[in-house]
Amino acid sequence: MLQNYTPEFKKKIARLHAEEGRTYKSITTEYGVSKASISKWCCEFSKECQSKAQLNQWNSRLPEHDGLSGTQGI
């Protein structure tokens, strides 16, 4: 039976494994999701976290913008 899970639920499951160190077996037993799904969601969550970290890193390299420079209406 095909089950649809919300993105929030998938992230929760991925965090249980990645951040709290829960095993696939314990998550499978508690939430009834397959090991394959947990593995896939952990991979997706990891890529998302890497993308956000990379974006933050790029943003930190940009010069500060005070909103005063540039063209002013005359």
C-alpha atoms as a PDB file:
ATOM      1  CA  MET A   1       0.000   0.000   0.000  1.00  0.00           C
ATOM      2  CA  LEU A   2       1.418   3.360  -1.075  1.00  0.00           C
ATOM      3  CA  GLN A   3       1.562   5.835   1.770  1.00  0.00           C
ATOM      4  CA  ASN A   4       1.908   9.610   1.355  1.00  0.00           C
ATOM      5  CA  TYR A   5       3.785  11.442   4.100  1.00  0.00           C
ATOM      6  CA  THR A   6       4.038  15.179   4.617  1.00  0.00           C
ATOM      7  CA  PRO A   7       7.405  16.896   4.185  1.00  0.00           C
ATOM      8  CA  GLU A   8       7.298  17.791   7.891  1.00  0.00           C
ATOM      9  CA  PHE A   9       6.881  14.142   8.869  1.00  0.00           C
ATOM     10  CA  LYS A  10       9.748  13.104   6.599  1.00  0.00           C
ATOM     11  CA  LYS A  11      12.023  15.740   8.142  1.00  0.00           C
ATOM     12  CA  LYS A  12      11.012  14.613  11.624  1.00  0.00           C
ATOM     13  CA  ILE A  13      11.939  11.023  10.817  1.00  0.00           C
ATOM     14  CA  ALA A  14      15.229  12.084   9.210  1.00  0.00           C
ATOM     15  CA  ARG A  15      16.101  14.194  12.250  1.00  0.00           C
ATOM     16  CA  LEU A  16      15.367  11.312  14.609  1.00  0.00           C
ATOM     17  CA  HIS A  17      18.018   9.293  12.819  1.00  0.00           C
ATOM     18  CA  ALA A  18      20.549  11.979  11.882  1.00  0.00           C
ATOM     19  CA  GLU A  19      20.444  14.220  14.939  1.00  0.00           C
ATOM     20  CA  GLU A  20      19.194  11.977  17.731  1.00  0.00           C
ATOM     21  CA  GLY A  21      20.969   8.830  16.601  1.00  0.00           C
ATOM     22  CA  ARG A  22      17.874   6.636  16.487  1.00  0.00           C
ATOM     23  CA  THR A  23      18.287   3.397  14.546  1.00  0.00           C
ATOM     24  CA  TYR A  24      16.242   2.577  11.467  1.00  0.00           C
ATOM     25  CA  LYS A  25      14.812  -0.390  13.351  1.00  0.00           C
ATOM     26  CA  SER A  26      13.548   1.705  16.276  1.00  0.00           C
ATOM     27  CA  ILE A  27      12.007   4.296  13.941  1.00  0.00           C
ATOM     28  CA  THR A  28      10.420   1.569  11.797  1.00  0.00           C
ATOM     29  CA  THR A  29       8.947  -0.064  14.879  1.00  0.00           C
ATOM     30  CA  GLU A  30       7.579   3.190  16.315  1.00  0.00           C
ATOM     31  CA  TYR A  31       6.315   4.874  13.127  1.00  0.00           C
ATOM     32  CA  GLY A  32       5.736   1.978  10.735  1.00  0.00           C
ATOM     33  CA  VAL A  33       7.816   3.401   7.886  1.00  0.00           C
ATOM     34  CA  SER A  34      10.213   1.268   5.875  1.00  0.00           C
ATOM     35  CA  LYS A  35      13.974   1.343   6.240  1.00  0.00           C
ATOM     36  CA  ALA A  36      14.194   2.331   2.559  1.00  0.00           C
ATOM     37  CA  SER A  37      11.969   5.367   3.167  1.00  0.00           C
ATOM     38  CA  ILE A  38      13.998   6.447   6.189  1.00  0.00           C
ATOM     39  CA  SER A  39      17.221   6.112   4.217  1.00  0.00           C
ATOM     40  CA  LYS A  40      15.806   8.128   1.308  1.00  0.00           C
ATOM     41  CA  TRP A  41      14.486  10.881   3.583  1.00  0.00           C
ATOM     42  CA  CYS A  42      17.781  11.101   5.459  1.00  0.00           C
ATOM     43  CA  CYS A  43      19.572  11.567   2.140  1.00  0.00           C
ATOM     44  CA  GLU A  44      17.106  14.250   1.032  1.00  0.00           C
ATOM     45  CA  PHE A  45      17.314  16.000   4.394  1.00  0.00           C
ATOM     46  CA  SER A  46      21.109  15.890   4.283  1.00  0.00           C
ATOM     47  CA  LYS A  47      21.159  17.467   0.806  1.00  0.00           C
ATOM     48  CA  GLU A  48      18.720  20.154   1.951  1.00  0.00           C
ATOM     49  CA  CYS A  49      20.847  20.947   5.001  1.00  0.00           C
ATOM     50  CA  GLN A  50      23.981  21.120   2.872  1.00  0.00           C
ATOM     51  CA  SER A  51      22.248  23.465   0.432  1.00  0.00           C
ATOM     52  CA  LYS A  52      21.089  25.757   3.243  1.00  0.00           C
ATOM     53  CA  ALA A  53      24.547  25.751   4.828  1.00  0.00           C
ATOM     54  CA  GLN A  54      26.125  26.561   1.473  1.00  0.00           C
ATOM     55  CA  LEU A  55      23.641  29.399   0.909  1.00  0.00           C
ATOM     56  CA  ASN A  56      24.393  30.823   4.362  1.00  0.00           C
ATOM     57  CA  GLN A  57      28.107  30.578   3.614  1.00  0.00           C
ATOM     58  CA  TRP A  58      27.678  32.430   0.307  1.00  0.00           C
ATOM     59  CA  ASN A  59      25.514  35.089   1.964  1.00  0.00           C
ATOM     60  CA  SER A  60      28.105  35.660   4.660  1.00  0.00           C
ATOM     61  CA  ARG A  61      30.657  36.511   1.946  1.00  0.00           C
ATOM     62  CA  LEU A  62      28.479  39.246   0.455  1.00  0.00           C
ATOM     63  CA  PRO A  63      29.263  42.816   1.475  1.00  0.00           C
ATOM     64  CA  GLU A  64      26.892  44.433   3.951  1.00  0.00           C
ATOM     65  CA  HIS A  65      24.133  46.491   2.359  1.00  0.00           C
ATOM     66  CA  ASP A  66      22.903  49.392   4.450  1.00  0.00           C
ATOM     67  CA  GLY A  67      20.071  50.342   2.118  1.00  0.00           C
ATOM     68  CA  LEU A  68      21.516  53.837   1.610  1.00  0.00           C
ATOM     69  CA  SER A  69      23.815  53.265  -1.323  1.00  0.00           C
ATOM     70  CA  GLY A  70      22.595  53.088  -4.887  1.00  0.00           C
ATOM     71  CA  THR A  71      20.293  55.325  -6.835  1.00  0.00           C
ATOM     72  CA  GLN A  72      18.167  57.765  -4.912  1.00  0.00           C
ATOM     73  CA  GLY A  73      15.014  59.328  -6.241  1.00  0.00           C
ATOM     74  CA  ILE A  74      15.542  62.956  -7.169  1.00  0.00           C
END
